Amino acid sequence: MKLWSRGLGKTELKMDCRYYTVKSDPGGDNVYIVGKITDPVNWEFRVTLEPEDIPGFIKMFMNYCIIKLTLKNMYKYIIYLFNKRKYAEAAGYDIEEKVDEAYMQMMNGRQRPSHLSRA
């Protein structure tokens, strides 16, 4: 998947969902997608899916173009299943802990450690 936004300028992020982890929020109905983008940047990320997002996802995935793309490339999912361990190792088994820790630091009003050392 490729991601672009106006804020990125000419940079286009390459995202590979095979390397991402999905986990549920133990305290609620939300689901997290946790991963790392390594090309052309080195960013860890966390996307929170809420129950309100489900109608939009259903609308998006029921689109003819998405259905056609899925059916045409279903064999790639089977190949992925045979290589699943390789993707988990490459993503890093500790990615969830790293992203959760960084998220809590940023969202609880603390600055990144590199900024604290300069002060």
C-alpha atoms as a PDB file:
ATOM      1  CA  MET A   1       0.000   0.000   0.000  1.00  0.00           C
ATOM      2  CA  LYS A   2       1.243   3.505  -0.687  1.00  0.00           C
ATOM      3  CA  LEU A   3       0.295   6.489   1.435  1.00  0.00           C
ATOM      4  CA  TRP A   4       0.604  10.123   0.444  1.00  0.00           C
ATOM      5  CA  SER A   5      -0.705  13.325   1.976  1.00  0.00           C
ATOM      6  CA  ARG A   6      -0.106  16.981   1.252  1.00  0.00           C
ATOM      7  CA  GLY A   7       1.951  17.242   4.442  1.00  0.00           C
ATOM      8  CA  LEU A   8       4.431  14.684   3.085  1.00  0.00           C
ATOM      9  CA  GLY A   9       5.154  16.753  -0.027  1.00  0.00           C
ATOM     10  CA  LYS A  10       6.741  14.533  -2.669  1.00  0.00           C
ATOM     11  CA  THR A  11       7.337  11.703  -0.189  1.00  0.00           C
ATOM     12  CA  GLU A  12       5.240   8.589  -0.625  1.00  0.00           C
ATOM     13  CA  LEU A  13       5.213   6.081   2.228  1.00  0.00           C
ATOM     14  CA  LYS A  14       5.262   2.384   1.417  1.00  0.00           C
ATOM     15  CA  MET A  15       3.191   0.331   3.840  1.00  0.00           C
ATOM     16  CA  ASP A  16       3.151  -3.470   3.884  1.00  0.00           C
ATOM     17  CA  CYS A  17       0.287  -4.807   6.003  1.00  0.00           C
ATOM     18  CA  ARG A  18       1.896  -8.245   6.205  1.00  0.00           C
ATOM     19  CA  TYR A  19       4.302  -6.819   8.794  1.00  0.00           C
ATOM     20  CA  TYR A  20       1.646  -5.244  11.020  1.00  0.00           C
ATOM     21  CA  THR A  21       0.029  -6.579  14.171  1.00  0.00           C
ATOM     22  CA  VAL A  22      -3.622  -6.280  15.136  1.00  0.00           C
ATOM     23  CA  LYS A  23      -4.585  -6.340  18.794  1.00  0.00           C
ATOM     24  CA  SER A  24      -7.703  -5.539  20.761  1.00  0.00           C
ATOM     25  CA  ASP A  25      -7.972  -2.896  23.447  1.00  0.00           C
ATOM     26  CA  PRO A  26      -8.419  -4.754  26.736  1.00  0.00           C
ATOM     27  CA  GLY A  27     -10.382  -1.854  28.213  1.00  0.00           C
ATOM     28  CA  GLY A  28     -12.831  -1.233  25.368  1.00  0.00           C
ATOM     29  CA  ASP A  29     -14.189  -2.101  21.951  1.00  0.00           C
ATOM     30  CA  ASN A  30     -11.331  -0.581  19.956  1.00  0.00           C
ATOM     31  CA  VAL A  31      -8.786  -2.466  17.857  1.00  0.00           C
ATOM     32  CA  TYR A  32      -5.205  -1.320  17.261  1.00  0.00           C
ATOM     33  CA  ILE A  33      -3.052  -1.829  14.194  1.00  0.00           C
ATOM     34  CA  VAL A  34       0.590  -1.535  15.215  1.00  0.00           C
ATOM     35  CA  GLY A  35       3.569  -1.503  12.880  1.00  0.00           C
ATOM     36  CA  LYS A  36       6.553   0.210  11.410  1.00  0.00           C
ATOM     37  CA  ILE A  37       7.082   1.999   8.105  1.00  0.00           C
ATOM     38  CA  THR A  38      10.706   1.621   7.027  1.00  0.00           C
ATOM     39  CA  ASP A  39      10.784   3.048   3.516  1.00  0.00           C
ATOM     40  CA  PRO A  40      11.579   5.952   3.011  1.00  0.00           C
ATOM     41  CA  VAL A  41      11.217   6.842   6.713  1.00  0.00           C
ATOM     42  CA  ASN A  42      11.601   4.882   9.934  1.00  0.00           C
ATOM     43  CA  TRP A  43       8.285   5.434  11.712  1.00  0.00           C
ATOM     44  CA  GLU A  44       6.470   3.258  14.187  1.00  0.00           C
ATOM     45  CA  PHE A  45       2.723   3.781  14.187  1.00  0.00           C
ATOM     46  CA  ARG A  46      -0.506   2.859  15.908  1.00  0.00           C
ATOM     47  CA  VAL A  47      -3.895   3.162  14.228  1.00  0.00           C
ATOM     48  CA  THR A  48      -6.981   2.898  16.433  1.00  0.00           C
ATOM     49  CA  LEU A  49     -10.133   1.477  14.870  1.00  0.00           C
ATOM     50  CA  GLU A  50     -13.346   2.320  16.701  1.00  0.00           C
ATOM     51  CA  PRO A  51     -16.815   0.818  16.297  1.00  0.00           C
ATOM     52  CA  GLU A  52     -17.858   3.975  14.394  1.00  0.00           C
ATOM     53  CA  ASP A  53     -15.325   3.074  11.675  1.00  0.00           C
ATOM     54  CA  ILE A  54     -17.014  -0.212  10.730  1.00  0.00           C
ATOM     55  CA  PRO A  55     -19.654   1.229   8.332  1.00  0.00           C
ATOM     56  CA  GLY A  56     -16.927   3.072   6.415  1.00  0.00           C
ATOM     57  CA  PHE A  57     -14.781  -0.055   6.160  1.00  0.00           C
ATOM     58  CA  ILE A  58     -17.705  -2.118   4.931  1.00  0.00           C
ATOM     59  CA  LYS A  59     -18.507   0.576   2.356  1.00  0.00           C
ATOM     60  CA  MET A  60     -14.882   0.635   1.223  1.00  0.00           C
ATOM     61  CA  PHE A  61     -14.456  -3.154   0.994  1.00  0.00           C
ATOM     62  CA  MET A  62     -17.776  -3.700  -0.807  1.00  0.00           C
ATOM     63  CA  ASN A  63     -16.523  -1.575  -3.703  1.00  0.00           C
ATOM     64  CA  TYR A  64     -16.307  -3.508  -6.978  1.00  0.00           C
ATOM     65  CA  CYS A  65     -12.667  -2.507  -7.546  1.00  0.00           C
ATOM     66  CA  ILE A  66     -11.601  -3.812  -4.115  1.00  0.00           C
ATOM     67  CA  ILE A  67     -13.518  -7.073  -4.557  1.00  0.00           C
ATOM     68  CA  LYS A  68     -11.947  -7.600  -7.979  1.00  0.00           C
ATOM     69  CA  LEU A  69      -8.445  -6.836  -6.673  1.00  0.00           C
ATOM     70  CA  THR A  70      -8.965  -9.253  -3.758  1.00  0.00           C
ATOM     71  CA  LEU A  71     -10.215 -12.132  -5.892  1.00  0.00           C
ATOM     72  CA  LYS A  72      -7.488 -11.637  -8.483  1.00  0.00           C
ATOM     73  CA  ASN A  73      -4.755 -11.772  -5.822  1.00  0.00           C
ATOM     74  CA  MET A  74      -6.173 -14.297  -3.328  1.00  0.00           C
ATOM     75  CA  TYR A  75      -3.279 -16.695  -4.010  1.00  0.00           C
ATOM     76  CA  LYS A  76      -0.912 -14.150  -2.429  1.00  0.00           C
ATOM     77  CA  TYR A  77      -2.715 -14.595   0.870  1.00  0.00           C
ATOM     78  CA  ILE A  78      -2.061 -18.323   0.760  1.00  0.00           C
ATOM     79  CA  ILE A  79       1.633 -17.662   0.094  1.00  0.00           C
ATOM     80  CA  TYR A  80       1.629 -15.221   3.013  1.00  0.00           C
ATOM     81  CA  LEU A  81       0.213 -17.884   5.329  1.00  0.00           C
ATOM     82  CA  PHE A  82       3.144 -20.178   4.536  1.00  0.00           C
ATOM     83  CA  ASN A  83       5.641 -17.349   5.208  1.00  0.00           C
ATOM     84  CA  LYS A  84       3.862 -15.754   8.178  1.00  0.00           C
ATOM     85  CA  ARG A  85       6.717 -16.391  10.626  1.00  0.00           C
ATOM     86  CA  LYS A  86       9.185 -14.582   8.342  1.00  0.00           C
ATOM     87  CA  TYR A  87       7.069 -11.426   8.428  1.00  0.00           C
ATOM     88  CA  ALA A  88       6.660 -11.578  12.210  1.00  0.00           C
ATOM     89  CA  GLU A  89      10.429 -11.883  12.689  1.00  0.00           C
ATOM     90  CA  ALA A  90      11.154  -9.009  10.290  1.00  0.00           C
ATOM     91  CA  ALA A  91       8.625  -6.734  12.010  1.00  0.00           C
ATOM     92  CA  GLY A  92      10.124  -7.499  15.414  1.00  0.00           C
ATOM     93  CA  TYR A  93       8.375  -9.418  18.123  1.00  0.00           C
ATOM     94  CA  ASP A  94       8.591  -6.418  20.443  1.00  0.00           C
ATOM     95  CA  ILE A  95       6.966  -3.902  18.075  1.00  0.00           C
ATOM     96  CA  GLU A  96       3.771  -3.747  20.145  1.00  0.00           C
ATOM     97  CA  GLU A  97       5.648  -2.886  23.340  1.00  0.00           C
ATOM     98  CA  LYS A  98       7.790  -0.262  21.587  1.00  0.00           C
ATOM     99  CA  VAL A  99       4.802   1.462  19.993  1.00  0.00           C
ATOM    100  CA  ASP A 100       2.675   1.291  23.159  1.00  0.00           C
ATOM    101  CA  GLU A 101       5.481   2.814  25.219  1.00  0.00           C
ATOM    102  CA  ALA A 102       6.083   5.612  22.720  1.00  0.00           C
ATOM    103  CA  TYR A 103       2.343   6.278  22.438  1.00  0.00           C
ATOM    104  CA  MET A 104       1.927   6.551  26.201  1.00  0.00           C
ATOM    105  CA  GLN A 105       4.907   8.911  26.482  1.00  0.00           C
ATOM    106  CA  MET A 106       3.585  11.212  23.781  1.00  0.00           C
ATOM    107  CA  MET A 107      -0.076  11.134  24.804  1.00  0.00           C
ATOM    108  CA  ASN A 108       0.617  11.677  28.509  1.00  0.00           C
ATOM    109  CA  GLY A 109       2.237  15.030  27.817  1.00  0.00           C
ATOM    110  CA  ARG A 110       5.848  13.899  28.104  1.00  0.00           C
ATOM    111  CA  GLN A 111       8.370  14.861  25.496  1.00  0.00           C
ATOM    112  CA  ARG A 112      10.545  12.462  23.588  1.00  0.00           C
ATOM    113  CA  PRO A 113      13.716  11.467  25.490  1.00  0.00           C
ATOM    114  CA  SER A 114      15.943  13.272  22.937  1.00  0.00           C
ATOM    115  CA  HIS A 115      14.184  16.565  23.738  1.00  0.00           C
ATOM    116  CA  LEU A 116      14.478  16.026  27.472  1.00  0.00           C
ATOM    117  CA  SER A 117      18.262  15.592  27.315  1.00  0.00           C
ATOM    118  CA  ARG A 118      18.713  18.984  25.583  1.00  0.00           C
ATOM    119  CA  ALA A 119      16.793  20.916  28.240  1.00  0.00           C
END
